[in-house]
Amino acid sequence: MALRVALIGYGTGGAVFHAPLISSVPDLRLAAVVTGDPGRREEVARRYPDAKVLDSADRLWEVSDGYDLVVVAAPNRQHVPLARTALTCELAVVVDKPVAASVADARSLAALSAVRGAPVVPFHNRRWDGDFRTVRRLVADGALGEVRRFESRFERWRPEVKAGWKESDDPRDAGGILFDLGSHLIDQAVALFGRPVQVYAELDARREGARAADDAFVALTHADGVRSHLWMSATASQLGPRFRVMGSRAAYSVHGLDGQEGALRAGLTPKDPGWGMTPPEAHGLLGTPGEERPEPTDNGAYQDFYGGVARALRAGAPPPVDLADAITGLEIIEAALVSARESRTVSL
């Protein structure tokens, strides 16, 4: 019998990412969706007719023994309270990024997870981007030699501020681009090179009316000397390379974004032919000046995150993303906030 999954939240995260990815994994079944929005409730009933539609999480906790996994895709300030309740019911939890608005809250989840014997798995799906998987392979294979600098960008051109909690400067909302796109970039750097020893950051609110940072640069110095330079912006009127990784023997660079998010927004799922494939014209370049060649991009595979969750619950395999890595990411974010505020490098 497939594991029964209850999804809390059916905004962009729940509707575009979690629900279709959960439904694409044979060992998981989307059993319930919690949303109070009438239009979203109708969409869930239409797209996932076998799933119960609940108007509040309270109704979910009343029958918690009917589920094996809870996925929290609600606004950021609700992540920790909902995850705590799920753990109290001894249910495993997947929590969208950022897991929490503070390191202290994330550590409290880790402590409760240990007591209840139920895992908390951060949804850092960008580890399964095709371009990042390519970078990870090239680093592991030694194709670049000794990596010296890792450059990574999530840049967008969104000059107008849109109302919503993501633009909030209330710390409880974990709004702003550092918590949003920065969570992904920082997690990828940690996955590649481990916990950094120093953090430097520049944060700005560039758009008229912006209250939270919408343009940021974060520099990490890792223990082995690798430097990660991370850019995130909603005000980029011209986009830089997604990745540029500089090594002692060669470099790799690639432009554009992994196509899985766009495919999900278009209504496709990992069950569709050609899922996660990058066309040859979008492949990156590997080599040195005058000796560069196209490097095929590995297939993207967001569904593998949830496949890993199923294996962790079924067979006790390690979770696809460790909560400790998410806590490290939040430590870096908090250090970046201090660095930008005080104009100094912060040691971890």
C-alpha atoms as a PDB file:
ATOM      1  CA  MET A   1       0.000   0.000   0.000  1.00  0.00           C
ATOM      2  CA  ALA A   2       1.299   3.448  -0.923  1.00  0.00           C
ATOM      3  CA  LEU A   3       2.181   5.883   1.848  1.00  0.00           C
ATOM      4  CA  ARG A   4      -0.653   8.323   2.530  1.00  0.00           C
ATOM      5  CA  VAL A   5       0.365  11.971   2.161  1.00  0.00           C
ATOM      6  CA  ALA A   6      -1.466  15.025   3.497  1.00  0.00           C
ATOM      7  CA  LEU A   7      -0.487  18.311   1.850  1.00  0.00           C
ATOM      8  CA  ILE A   8      -1.057  21.549   3.789  1.00  0.00           C
ATOM      9  CA  GLY A   9      -1.275  24.519   1.447  1.00  0.00           C
ATOM     10  CA  TYR A  10      -2.232  24.745  -2.199  1.00  0.00           C
ATOM     11  CA  GLY A  11      -0.678  28.009  -3.320  1.00  0.00           C
ATOM     12  CA  THR A  12       2.210  28.020  -5.784  1.00  0.00           C
ATOM     13  CA  GLY A  13       4.293  25.627  -3.682  1.00  0.00           C
ATOM     14  CA  GLY A  14       1.537  23.109  -3.112  1.00  0.00           C
ATOM     15  CA  ALA A  15      -0.122  23.274  -6.510  1.00  0.00           C
ATOM     16  CA  VAL A  16       2.904  23.676  -8.796  1.00  0.00           C
ATOM     17  CA  PHE A  17       5.507  21.618  -6.960  1.00  0.00           C
ATOM     18  CA  HIS A  18       4.359  19.302  -4.196  1.00  0.00           C
ATOM     19  CA  ALA A  19       1.066  17.847  -5.415  1.00  0.00           C
ATOM     20  CA  PRO A  20       2.265  16.830  -8.905  1.00  0.00           C
ATOM     21  CA  LEU A  21       5.602  15.518  -7.600  1.00  0.00           C
ATOM     22  CA  ILE A  22       3.953  13.464  -4.849  1.00  0.00           C
ATOM     23  CA  SER A  23       1.514  12.050  -7.400  1.00  0.00           C
ATOM     24  CA  SER A  24       4.366  11.004  -9.681  1.00  0.00           C
ATOM     25  CA  VAL A  25       5.961   8.651  -7.114  1.00  0.00           C
ATOM     26  CA  PRO A  26       4.406   5.161  -7.129  1.00  0.00           C
ATOM     27  CA  ASP A  27       4.978   4.578  -3.417  1.00  0.00           C
ATOM     28  CA  LEU A  28       3.140   7.761  -2.401  1.00  0.00           C
ATOM     29  CA  ARG A  29      -0.546   8.669  -2.594  1.00  0.00           C
ATOM     30  CA  LEU A  30      -1.894  12.194  -2.249  1.00  0.00           C
ATOM     31  CA  ALA A  31      -4.602  11.408   0.273  1.00  0.00           C
ATOM     32  CA  ALA A  32      -5.599  14.887   1.464  1.00  0.00           C
ATOM     33  CA  VAL A  33      -5.054  18.562   0.665  1.00  0.00           C
ATOM     34  CA  VAL A  34      -5.693  21.353   3.152  1.00  0.00           C
ATOM     35  CA  THR A  35      -6.797  24.682   1.697  1.00  0.00           C
ATOM     36  CA  GLY A  36      -9.449  27.149   2.733  1.00  0.00           C
ATOM     37  CA  ASP A  37      -9.623  28.927  -0.624  1.00  0.00           C
ATOM     38  CA  PRO A  38     -12.806  27.954  -2.535  1.00  0.00           C
ATOM     39  CA  GLY A  39     -11.185  28.233  -5.960  1.00  0.00           C
ATOM     40  CA  ARG A  40      -8.242  26.107  -4.925  1.00  0.00           C
ATOM     41  CA  ARG A  41     -10.548  23.555  -3.348  1.00  0.00           C
ATOM     42  CA  GLU A  42     -12.328  23.208  -6.698  1.00  0.00           C
ATOM     43  CA  GLU A  43      -9.017  22.794  -8.506  1.00  0.00           C
ATOM     44  CA  VAL A  44      -7.874  20.054  -6.106  1.00  0.00           C
ATOM     45  CA  ALA A  45     -11.176  18.192  -6.567  1.00  0.00           C
ATOM     46  CA  ARG A  46     -10.803  18.422 -10.329  1.00  0.00           C
ATOM     47  CA  ARG A  47      -7.130  17.503 -10.610  1.00  0.00           C
ATOM     48  CA  TYR A  48      -6.885  15.011  -7.706  1.00  0.00           C
ATOM     49  CA  PRO A  49     -10.369  13.509  -7.337  1.00  0.00           C
ATOM     50  CA  ASP A  50      -9.186  10.753  -4.964  1.00  0.00           C
ATOM     51  CA  ALA A  51      -7.780  13.232  -2.423  1.00  0.00           C
ATOM     52  CA  LYS A  52      -9.851  14.550   0.448  1.00  0.00           C
ATOM     53  CA  VAL A  53     -10.120  18.337   0.526  1.00  0.00           C
ATOM     54  CA  LEU A  54      -9.979  19.781   4.047  1.00  0.00           C
ATOM     55  CA  ASP A  55     -10.639  23.416   4.896  1.00  0.00           C
ATOM     56  CA  SER A  56      -8.231  23.573   7.863  1.00  0.00           C
ATOM     57  CA  ALA A  57      -5.289  21.717   9.349  1.00  0.00           C
ATOM     58  CA  ASP A  58      -7.335  21.138  12.510  1.00  0.00           C
ATOM     59  CA  ARG A  59      -9.449  18.628  10.599  1.00  0.00           C
ATOM     60  CA  LEU A  60      -6.277  16.861   9.565  1.00  0.00           C
ATOM     61  CA  TRP A  61      -5.038  16.421  13.142  1.00  0.00           C
ATOM     62  CA  GLU A  62      -8.415  14.939  14.155  1.00  0.00           C
ATOM     63  CA  VAL A  63      -7.677  11.899  11.962  1.00  0.00           C
ATOM     64  CA  SER A  64      -3.878  11.990  11.954  1.00  0.00           C
ATOM     65  CA  ASP A  65      -3.637   8.198  12.115  1.00  0.00           C
ATOM     66  CA  GLY A  66      -5.030   8.162   8.591  1.00  0.00           C
ATOM     67  CA  TYR A  67      -1.781   9.554   7.163  1.00  0.00           C
ATOM     68  CA  ASP A  68       1.891   8.621   7.007  1.00  0.00           C
ATOM     69  CA  LEU A  69       3.439  11.904   5.906  1.00  0.00           C
ATOM     70  CA  VAL A  70       2.528  15.587   6.189  1.00  0.00           C
ATOM     71  CA  VAL A  71       3.877  18.120   3.698  1.00  0.00           C
ATOM     72  CA  VAL A  72       3.906  21.741   4.865  1.00  0.00           C
ATOM     73  CA  ALA A  73       3.600  24.167   1.952  1.00  0.00           C
ATOM     74  CA  ALA A  74       1.912  26.996   3.867  1.00  0.00           C
ATOM     75  CA  PRO A  75       3.386  30.524   4.220  1.00  0.00           C
ATOM     76  CA  ASN A  76       6.760  30.635   5.962  1.00  0.00           C
ATOM     77  CA  ARG A  77       5.568  31.807   9.377  1.00  0.00           C
ATOM     78  CA  GLN A  78       3.339  28.706   9.607  1.00  0.00           C
ATOM     79  CA  HIS A  79       6.095  26.188   8.849  1.00  0.00           C
ATOM     80  CA  VAL A  80       7.260  25.585  12.406  1.00  0.00           C
ATOM     81  CA  PRO A  81       3.856  25.518  14.169  1.00  0.00           C
ATOM     82  CA  LEU A  82       2.418  23.085  11.612  1.00  0.00           C
ATOM     83  CA  ALA A  83       5.514  20.885  11.626  1.00  0.00           C
ATOM     84  CA  ARG A  84       5.489  20.780  15.441  1.00  0.00           C
ATOM     85  CA  THR A  85       1.879  19.643  15.484  1.00  0.00           C
ATOM     86  CA  ALA A  86       2.611  16.944  12.910  1.00  0.00           C
ATOM     87  CA  LEU A  87       5.566  15.698  14.965  1.00  0.00           C
ATOM     88  CA  THR A  88       3.428  15.688  18.094  1.00  0.00           C
ATOM     89  CA  CYS A  89       1.112  13.347  16.185  1.00  0.00           C
ATOM     90  CA  GLU A  90       4.234  11.270  15.411  1.00  0.00           C
ATOM     91  CA  LEU A  91       3.942  11.978  11.696  1.00  0.00           C
ATOM     92  CA  ALA A  92       6.921  12.437   9.382  1.00  0.00           C
ATOM     93  CA  VAL A  93       7.089  15.912   7.855  1.00  0.00           C
ATOM     94  CA  VAL A  94       8.384  17.502   4.670  1.00  0.00           C
ATOM     95  CA  VAL A  95       8.724  21.269   5.116  1.00  0.00           C
ATOM     96  CA  ASP A  96       9.127  23.692   2.233  1.00  0.00           C
ATOM     97  CA  LYS A  97      12.070  26.067   2.351  1.00  0.00           C
ATOM     98  CA  PRO A  98      12.976  27.816   4.507  1.00  0.00           C
ATOM     99  CA  VAL A  99      12.227  25.263   7.203  1.00  0.00           C
ATOM    100  CA  ALA A 100      12.013  28.044   9.770  1.00  0.00           C
ATOM    101  CA  ALA A 101      12.479  31.788  10.135  1.00  0.00           C
ATOM    102  CA  SER A 102      15.333  31.318  12.628  1.00  0.00           C
ATOM    103  CA  VAL A 103      18.032  28.873  13.605  1.00  0.00           C
ATOM    104  CA  ALA A 104      16.512  28.545  17.079  1.00  0.00           C
ATOM    105  CA  ASP A 105      13.158  27.440  15.664  1.00  0.00           C
ATOM    106  CA  ALA A 106      14.791  24.966  13.290  1.00  0.00           C
ATOM    107  CA  ARG A 107      16.789  23.447  16.136  1.00  0.00           C
ATOM    108  CA  SER A 108      13.607  23.125  18.174  1.00  0.00           C
ATOM    109  CA  LEU A 109      12.119  21.068  15.330  1.00  0.00           C
ATOM    110  CA  ALA A 110      15.210  18.866  15.265  1.00  0.00           C
ATOM    111  CA  ALA A 111      14.902  18.239  19.013  1.00  0.00           C
ATOM    112  CA  LEU A 112      11.196  17.388  18.782  1.00  0.00           C
ATOM    113  CA  SER A 113      11.875  15.150  15.765  1.00  0.00           C
ATOM    114  CA  ALA A 114      14.403  13.182  17.821  1.00  0.00           C
ATOM    115  CA  VAL A 115      11.996  12.804  20.727  1.00  0.00           C
ATOM    116  CA  ARG A 116       9.052  11.717  18.577  1.00  0.00           C
ATOM    117  CA  GLY A 117      11.095   9.492  16.278  1.00  0.00           C
ATOM    118  CA  ALA A 118       9.641  11.109  13.141  1.00  0.00           C
ATOM    119  CA  PRO A 119      11.855  12.799  10.541  1.00  0.00           C
ATOM    120  CA  VAL A 120      11.679  16.395   9.313  1.00  0.00           C
ATOM    121  CA  VAL A 121      12.857  16.622   5.706  1.00  0.00           C
ATOM    122  CA  PRO A 122      13.550  20.055   4.156  1.00  0.00           C
ATOM    123  CA  PHE A 123      12.236  20.487   0.611  1.00  0.00           C
ATOM    124  CA  HIS A 124      15.414  21.644  -1.109  1.00  0.00           C
ATOM    125  CA  ASN A 125      14.340  20.457  -4.536  1.00  0.00           C
ATOM    126  CA  ARG A 126      16.986  22.479  -6.381  1.00  0.00           C
ATOM    127  CA  ARG A 127      19.527  19.764  -5.573  1.00  0.00           C
ATOM    128  CA  TRP A 128      17.763  17.897  -8.389  1.00  0.00           C
ATOM    129  CA  ASP A 129      18.096  20.666 -10.988  1.00  0.00           C
ATOM    130  CA  GLY A 130      19.775  19.255 -14.071  1.00  0.00           C
ATOM    131  CA  ASP A 131      22.442  21.957 -14.187  1.00  0.00           C
ATOM    132  CA  PHE A 132      23.281  21.524 -10.506  1.00  0.00           C
ATOM    133  CA  ARG A 133      23.480  17.754 -10.923  1.00  0.00           C
ATOM    134  CA  THR A 134      25.929  18.415 -13.769  1.00  0.00           C
ATOM    135  CA  VAL A 135      28.045  20.681 -11.557  1.00  0.00           C
ATOM    136  CA  ARG A 136      28.027  18.097  -8.799  1.00  0.00           C
ATOM    137  CA  ARG A 137      29.163  15.380 -11.219  1.00  0.00           C
ATOM    138  CA  LEU A 138      31.968  17.499 -12.668  1.00  0.00           C
ATOM    139  CA  VAL A 139      33.220  18.429  -9.190  1.00  0.00           C
ATOM    140  CA  ALA A 140      33.076  14.821  -7.980  1.00  0.00           C
ATOM    141  CA  ASP A 141      34.786  13.464 -11.108  1.00  0.00           C
ATOM    142  CA  GLY A 142      37.634  15.955 -10.880  1.00  0.00           C
ATOM    143  CA  ALA A 143      36.901  17.281 -14.370  1.00  0.00           C
ATOM    144  CA  LEU A 144      37.580  20.838 -13.180  1.00  0.00           C
ATOM    145  CA  GLY A 145      40.640  20.002 -11.106  1.00  0.00           C
ATOM    146  CA  GLU A 146      40.752  21.764  -7.750  1.00  0.00           C
ATOM    147  CA  VAL A 147      37.685  23.988  -7.490  1.00  0.00           C
ATOM    148  CA  ARG A 148      38.599  27.527  -6.531  1.00  0.00           C
ATOM    149  CA  ARG A 149      35.449  29.549  -7.023  1.00  0.00           C
ATOM    150  CA  PHE A 150      31.794  28.580  -7.337  1.00  0.00           C
ATOM    151  CA  GLU A 151      29.518  31.236  -8.818  1.00  0.00           C
ATOM    152  CA  SER A 152      25.766  30.751  -8.688  1.00  0.00           C
ATOM    153  CA  ARG A 153      22.893  33.065  -9.611  1.00  0.00           C
ATOM    154  CA  PHE A 154      19.133  33.234  -9.350  1.00  0.00           C
ATOM    155  CA  GLU A 155      18.367  36.516 -11.065  1.00  0.00           C
ATOM    156  CA  ARG A 156      15.007  37.819 -12.238  1.00  0.00           C
ATOM    157  CA  TRP A 157      13.605  40.996 -13.714  1.00  0.00           C
ATOM    158  CA  ARG A 158      10.580  41.861 -11.579  1.00  0.00           C
ATOM    159  CA  PRO A 159      10.730  45.644 -11.196  1.00  0.00           C
ATOM    160  CA  GLU A 160       7.319  45.981  -9.560  1.00  0.00           C
ATOM    161  CA  VAL A 161       6.669  45.009  -5.942  1.00  0.00           C
ATOM    162  CA  LYS A 162       3.750  42.605  -5.558  1.00  0.00           C
ATOM    163  CA  ALA A 163       1.743  42.581  -2.348  1.00  0.00           C
ATOM    164  CA  GLY A 164       2.181  39.502  -0.183  1.00  0.00           C
ATOM    165  CA  TRP A 165       4.066  37.982   2.711  1.00  0.00           C
ATOM    166  CA  LYS A 166       7.140  37.271   0.566  1.00  0.00           C
ATOM    167  CA  GLU A 167       7.754  41.033   0.451  1.00  0.00           C
ATOM    168  CA  SER A 168       7.303  41.451   4.218  1.00  0.00           C
ATOM    169  CA  ASP A 169      10.072  42.800   6.438  1.00  0.00           C
ATOM    170  CA  ASP A 170       8.550  41.168   9.535  1.00  0.00           C
ATOM    171  CA  PRO A 171      11.184  38.621  10.666  1.00  0.00           C
ATOM    172  CA  ARG A 172       8.430  36.094  11.427  1.00  0.00           C
ATOM    173  CA  ASP A 173       7.508  35.976   7.725  1.00  0.00           C
ATOM    174  CA  ALA A 174      11.059  35.148   6.589  1.00  0.00           C
ATOM    175  CA  GLY A 175      10.375  37.360   3.590  1.00  0.00           C
ATOM    176  CA  GLY A 176      12.813  38.872   1.145  1.00  0.00           C
ATOM    177  CA  ILE A 177      15.048  37.388  -1.480  1.00  0.00           C
ATOM    178  CA  LEU A 178      17.675  36.012   0.919  1.00  0.00           C
ATOM    179  CA  PHE A 179      15.184  33.603   2.504  1.00  0.00           C
ATOM    180  CA  ASP A 180      13.461  32.903  -0.822  1.00  0.00           C
ATOM    181  CA  LEU A 181      16.000  32.363  -3.610  1.00  0.00           C
ATOM    182  CA  GLY A 182      18.952  32.538  -1.243  1.00  0.00           C
ATOM    183  CA  SER A 183      17.809  29.403   0.581  1.00  0.00           C
ATOM    184  CA  HIS A 184      18.329  27.433  -2.637  1.00  0.00           C
ATOM    185  CA  LEU A 185      21.695  28.952  -3.562  1.00  0.00           C
ATOM    186  CA  ILE A 186      23.104  28.545  -0.071  1.00  0.00           C
ATOM    187  CA  ASP A 187      21.884  24.951   0.172  1.00  0.00           C
ATOM    188  CA  GLN A 188      23.555  24.063  -3.127  1.00  0.00           C
ATOM    189  CA  ALA A 189      26.855  25.566  -1.986  1.00  0.00           C
ATOM    190  CA  VAL A 190      26.676  23.660   1.309  1.00  0.00           C
ATOM    191  CA  ALA A 191      25.812  20.422  -0.528  1.00  0.00           C
ATOM    192  CA  LEU A 192      28.906  20.827  -2.699  1.00  0.00           C
ATOM    193  CA  PHE A 193      31.513  22.204  -0.328  1.00  0.00           C
ATOM    194  CA  GLY A 194      30.195  21.865   3.217  1.00  0.00           C
ATOM    195  CA  ARG A 195      29.718  24.351   6.009  1.00  0.00           C
ATOM    196  CA  PRO A 196      31.591  27.622   5.385  1.00  0.00           C
ATOM    197  CA  VAL A 197      33.868  29.253   7.925  1.00  0.00           C
ATOM    198  CA  GLN A 198      33.182  32.868   6.875  1.00  0.00           C
ATOM    199  CA  VAL A 199      30.190  34.775   5.487  1.00  0.00           C
ATOM    200  CA  TYR A 200      30.056  38.190   3.822  1.00  0.00           C
ATOM    201  CA  ALA A 201      26.874  39.731   2.409  1.00  0.00           C
ATOM    202  CA  GLU A 202      25.398  42.802   0.745  1.00  0.00           C
ATOM    203  CA  LEU A 203      21.609  43.254   0.932  1.00  0.00           C
ATOM    204  CA  ASP A 204      19.570  45.999  -0.693  1.00  0.00           C
ATOM    205  CA  ALA A 205      15.948  46.945  -1.261  1.00  0.00           C
ATOM    206  CA  ARG A 206      16.180  48.453  -4.745  1.00  0.00           C
ATOM    207  CA  ARG A 207      12.598  48.710  -6.005  1.00  0.00           C
ATOM    208  CA  GLU A 208      10.350  51.590  -5.127  1.00  0.00           C
ATOM    209  CA  GLY A 209       8.188  50.561  -2.186  1.00  0.00           C
ATOM    210  CA  ALA A 210      10.258  47.484  -1.354  1.00  0.00           C
ATOM    211  CA  ARG A 211      10.543  46.787   2.360  1.00  0.00           C
ATOM    212  CA  ALA A 212      12.470  43.506   2.251  1.00  0.00           C
ATOM    213  CA  ALA A 213      15.753  42.908   0.417  1.00  0.00           C
ATOM    214  CA  ASP A 214      15.247  42.268  -3.296  1.00  0.00           C
ATOM    215  CA  ASP A 215      18.903  42.279  -4.399  1.00  0.00           C
ATOM    216  CA  ALA A 216      21.658  40.400  -2.592  1.00  0.00           C
ATOM    217  CA  PHE A 217      25.193  39.053  -2.828  1.00  0.00           C
ATOM    218  CA  VAL A 218      26.557  36.446  -0.430  1.00  0.00           C
ATOM    219  CA  ALA A 219      30.181  35.265  -0.331  1.00  0.00           C
ATOM    220  CA  LEU A 220      31.115  32.083   1.525  1.00  0.00           C
ATOM    221  CA  THR A 221      34.597  30.872   2.347  1.00  0.00           C
ATOM    222  CA  HIS A 222      34.627  27.103   2.875  1.00  0.00           C
ATOM    223  CA  ALA A 223      37.063  25.191   5.061  1.00  0.00           C
ATOM    224  CA  ASP A 224      39.006  23.859   2.064  1.00  0.00           C
ATOM    225  CA  GLY A 225      39.492  27.333   0.610  1.00  0.00           C
ATOM    226  CA  VAL A 226      36.731  27.218  -2.012  1.00  0.00           C
ATOM    227  CA  ARG A 227      34.876  30.511  -2.307  1.00  0.00           C
ATOM    228  CA  SER A 228      31.179  30.489  -3.179  1.00  0.00           C
ATOM    229  CA  HIS A 229      29.844  33.711  -4.696  1.00  0.00           C
ATOM    230  CA  LEU A 230      26.057  33.790  -4.745  1.00  0.00           C
ATOM    231  CA  TRP A 231      23.842  36.400  -6.402  1.00  0.00           C
ATOM    232  CA  MET A 232      20.078  36.654  -6.021  1.00  0.00           C
ATOM    233  CA  SER A 233      17.985  39.461  -7.437  1.00  0.00           C
ATOM    234  CA  ALA A 234      14.540  40.576  -8.534  1.00  0.00           C
ATOM    235  CA  THR A 235      16.052  43.622 -10.228  1.00  0.00           C
ATOM    236  CA  ALA A 236      18.431  42.070 -12.761  1.00  0.00           C
ATOM    237  CA  SER A 237      17.801  43.820 -16.077  1.00  0.00           C
ATOM    238  CA  GLN A 238      20.322  41.478 -17.699  1.00  0.00           C
ATOM    239  CA  LEU A 239      20.892  37.931 -16.484  1.00  0.00           C
ATOM    240  CA  GLY A 240      24.289  36.440 -15.725  1.00  0.00           C
ATOM    241  CA  PRO A 241      25.261  32.762 -16.010  1.00  0.00           C
ATOM    242  CA  ARG A 242      23.329  30.373 -13.794  1.00  0.00           C
ATOM    243  CA  PHE A 243      26.601  28.677 -12.793  1.00  0.00           C
ATOM    244  CA  ARG A 244      30.266  29.403 -13.405  1.00  0.00           C
ATOM    245  CA  VAL A 245      32.623  27.043 -11.608  1.00  0.00           C
ATOM    246  CA  MET A 246      36.324  27.827 -11.820  1.00  0.00           C
ATOM    247  CA  GLY A 247      38.862  25.049 -11.283  1.00  0.00           C
ATOM    248  CA  SER A 248      42.624  24.575 -11.602  1.00  0.00           C
ATOM    249  CA  ARG A 249      42.207  22.576 -14.836  1.00  0.00           C
ATOM    250  CA  ALA A 250      38.980  23.841 -16.391  1.00  0.00           C
ATOM    251  CA  ALA A 251      35.798  25.794 -15.837  1.00  0.00           C
ATOM    252  CA  TYR A 252      32.127  25.066 -16.438  1.00  0.00           C
ATOM    253  CA  SER A 253      29.478  27.662 -17.183  1.00  0.00           C
ATOM    254  CA  VAL A 254      25.815  27.427 -18.097  1.00  0.00           C
ATOM    255  CA  HIS A 255      23.053  29.973 -18.687  1.00  0.00           C
ATOM    256  CA  GLY A 256      19.304  29.784 -18.144  1.00  0.00           C
ATOM    257  CA  LEU A 257      17.226  27.998 -15.529  1.00  0.00           C
ATOM    258  CA  ASP A 258      16.453  24.316 -15.136  1.00  0.00           C
ATOM    259  CA  GLY A 259      13.223  23.653 -17.026  1.00  0.00           C
ATOM    260  CA  GLN A 260      11.349  21.594 -14.448  1.00  0.00           C
ATOM    261  CA  GLU A 261       9.608  24.531 -12.758  1.00  0.00           C
ATOM    262  CA  GLY A 262       8.395  25.831 -16.103  1.00  0.00           C
ATOM    263  CA  ALA A 263       7.165  22.385 -17.056  1.00  0.00           C
ATOM    264  CA  LEU A 264       5.284  22.013 -13.768  1.00  0.00           C
ATOM    265  CA  ARG A 265       3.679  25.427 -14.221  1.00  0.00           C
ATOM    266  CA  ALA A 266       2.565  24.304 -17.667  1.00  0.00           C
ATOM    267  CA  GLY A 267       0.804  21.292 -16.154  1.00  0.00           C
ATOM    268  CA  LEU A 268       3.374  18.633 -17.022  1.00  0.00           C
ATOM    269  CA  THR A 269       4.664  16.063 -14.519  1.00  0.00           C
ATOM    270  CA  PRO A 270       7.611  13.662 -14.258  1.00  0.00           C
ATOM    271  CA  LYS A 271       5.355  11.040 -15.845  1.00  0.00           C
ATOM    272  CA  ASP A 272       5.463  12.913 -19.161  1.00  0.00           C
ATOM    273  CA  PRO A 273       7.996  11.929 -21.868  1.00  0.00           C
ATOM    274  CA  GLY A 274      11.234  13.863 -21.887  1.00  0.00           C
ATOM    275  CA  TRP A 275      10.855  15.072 -18.318  1.00  0.00           C
ATOM    276  CA  GLY A 276      13.923  16.915 -17.009  1.00  0.00           C
ATOM    277  CA  MET A 277      15.795  16.885 -20.318  1.00  0.00           C
ATOM    278  CA  THR A 278      17.713  19.976 -21.438  1.00  0.00           C
ATOM    279  CA  PRO A 279      17.945  20.655 -25.189  1.00  0.00           C
ATOM    280  CA  PRO A 280      21.472  20.705 -26.666  1.00  0.00           C
ATOM    281  CA  GLU A 281      21.332  24.441 -27.395  1.00  0.00           C
ATOM    282  CA  ALA A 282      20.995  25.095 -23.644  1.00  0.00           C
ATOM    283  CA  HIS A 283      23.941  22.908 -22.588  1.00  0.00           C
ATOM    284  CA  GLY A 284      26.827  24.543 -20.762  1.00  0.00           C
ATOM    285  CA  LEU A 285      30.474  24.827 -21.747  1.00  0.00           C
ATOM    286  CA  LEU A 286      33.399  22.948 -20.190  1.00  0.00           C
ATOM    287  CA  GLY A 287      37.064  23.725 -20.712  1.00  0.00           C
ATOM    288  CA  THR A 288      39.497  26.624 -20.968  1.00  0.00           C
ATOM    289  CA  PRO A 289      39.680  29.622 -23.350  1.00  0.00           C
ATOM    290  CA  GLY A 290      39.928  28.339 -26.922  1.00  0.00           C
ATOM    291  CA  GLU A 291      39.363  24.744 -25.828  1.00  0.00           C
ATOM    292  CA  GLU A 292      35.778  24.817 -24.627  1.00  0.00           C
ATOM    293  CA  ARG A 293      33.251  22.174 -25.592  1.00  0.00           C
ATOM    294  CA  PRO A 294      29.557  21.670 -24.894  1.00  0.00           C
ATOM    295  CA  GLU A 295      28.868  19.601 -21.780  1.00  0.00           C
ATOM    296  CA  PRO A 296      25.532  17.727 -21.866  1.00  0.00           C
ATOM    297  CA  THR A 297      23.306  18.644 -18.930  1.00  0.00           C
ATOM    298  CA  ASP A 298      22.238  15.789 -16.666  1.00  0.00           C
ATOM    299  CA  ASN A 299      18.490  15.223 -16.499  1.00  0.00           C
ATOM    300  CA  GLY A 300      16.630  17.124 -13.806  1.00  0.00           C
ATOM    301  CA  ALA A 301      14.712  14.899 -11.398  1.00  0.00           C
ATOM    302  CA  TYR A 302      12.612  16.667  -8.758  1.00  0.00           C
ATOM    303  CA  GLN A 303      10.631  13.450  -8.323  1.00  0.00           C
ATOM    304  CA  ASP A 304      13.747  11.823  -6.848  1.00  0.00           C
ATOM    305  CA  PHE A 305      13.337  13.983  -3.737  1.00  0.00           C
ATOM    306  CA  TYR A 306      10.010  12.348  -2.952  1.00  0.00           C
ATOM    307  CA  GLY A 307      11.312   8.945  -4.002  1.00  0.00           C
ATOM    308  CA  GLY A 308      14.001   9.438  -1.363  1.00  0.00           C
ATOM    309  CA  VAL A 309      11.399  10.417   1.226  1.00  0.00           C
ATOM    310  CA  ALA A 310       9.469   7.216   0.510  1.00  0.00           C
ATOM    311  CA  ARG A 311      12.623   5.109   0.918  1.00  0.00           C
ATOM    312  CA  ALA A 312      13.459   6.853   4.188  1.00  0.00           C
ATOM    313  CA  LEU A 313      10.012   6.041   5.594  1.00  0.00           C
ATOM    314  CA  ARG A 314       9.809   2.516   4.176  1.00  0.00           C
ATOM    315  CA  ALA A 315      13.334   1.242   4.668  1.00  0.00           C
ATOM    316  CA  GLY A 316      15.026   3.650   7.040  1.00  0.00           C
ATOM    317  CA  ALA A 317      17.274   5.048   4.306  1.00  0.00           C
ATOM    318  CA  PRO A 318      18.902   8.445   4.950  1.00  0.00           C
ATOM    319  CA  PRO A 319      16.566  11.321   4.082  1.00  0.00           C
ATOM    320  CA  PRO A 320      17.175  12.959   0.691  1.00  0.00           C
ATOM    321  CA  VAL A 321      18.022  16.216   2.492  1.00  0.00           C
ATOM    322  CA  ASP A 322      19.295  16.280   6.067  1.00  0.00           C
ATOM    323  CA  LEU A 323      17.675  18.743   8.464  1.00  0.00           C
ATOM    324  CA  ALA A 324      21.172  19.605   9.704  1.00  0.00           C
ATOM    325  CA  ASP A 325      21.957  21.057   6.280  1.00  0.00           C
ATOM    326  CA  ALA A 326      18.895  23.301   6.461  1.00  0.00           C
ATOM    327  CA  ILE A 327      19.985  24.477   9.914  1.00  0.00           C
ATOM    328  CA  THR A 328      23.425  25.280   8.490  1.00  0.00           C
ATOM    329  CA  GLY A 329      21.710  27.226   5.729  1.00  0.00           C
ATOM    330  CA  LEU A 330      19.779  29.284   8.283  1.00  0.00           C
ATOM    331  CA  GLU A 331      22.982  29.916  10.233  1.00  0.00           C
ATOM    332  CA  ILE A 332      24.469  31.312   7.024  1.00  0.00           C
ATOM    333  CA  ILE A 333      21.394  33.482   6.418  1.00  0.00           C
ATOM    334  CA  GLU A 334      21.543  34.881   9.947  1.00  0.00           C
ATOM    335  CA  ALA A 335      25.276  35.549   9.530  1.00  0.00           C
ATOM    336  CA  ALA A 336      24.561  37.254   6.200  1.00  0.00           C
ATOM    337  CA  LEU A 337      22.024  39.546   7.858  1.00  0.00           C
ATOM    338  CA  VAL A 338      24.614  40.542  10.470  1.00  0.00           C
ATOM    339  CA  SER A 339      27.301  41.001   7.805  1.00  0.00           C
ATOM    340  CA  ALA A 340      25.137  43.287   5.668  1.00  0.00           C
ATOM    341  CA  ARG A 341      23.966  45.298   8.659  1.00  0.00           C
ATOM    342  CA  GLU A 342      27.438  45.781  10.137  1.00  0.00           C
ATOM    343  CA  SER A 343      29.475  45.801   6.890  1.00  0.00           C
ATOM    344  CA  ARG A 344      31.832  43.056   8.009  1.00  0.00           C
ATOM    345  CA  THR A 345      32.751  39.434   7.463  1.00  0.00           C
ATOM    346  CA  VAL A 346      31.185  37.036   9.990  1.00  0.00           C
ATOM    347  CA  SER A 347      32.902  33.852  11.157  1.00  0.00           C
ATOM    348  CA  LEU A 348      30.798  30.738  11.696  1.00  0.00           C
END
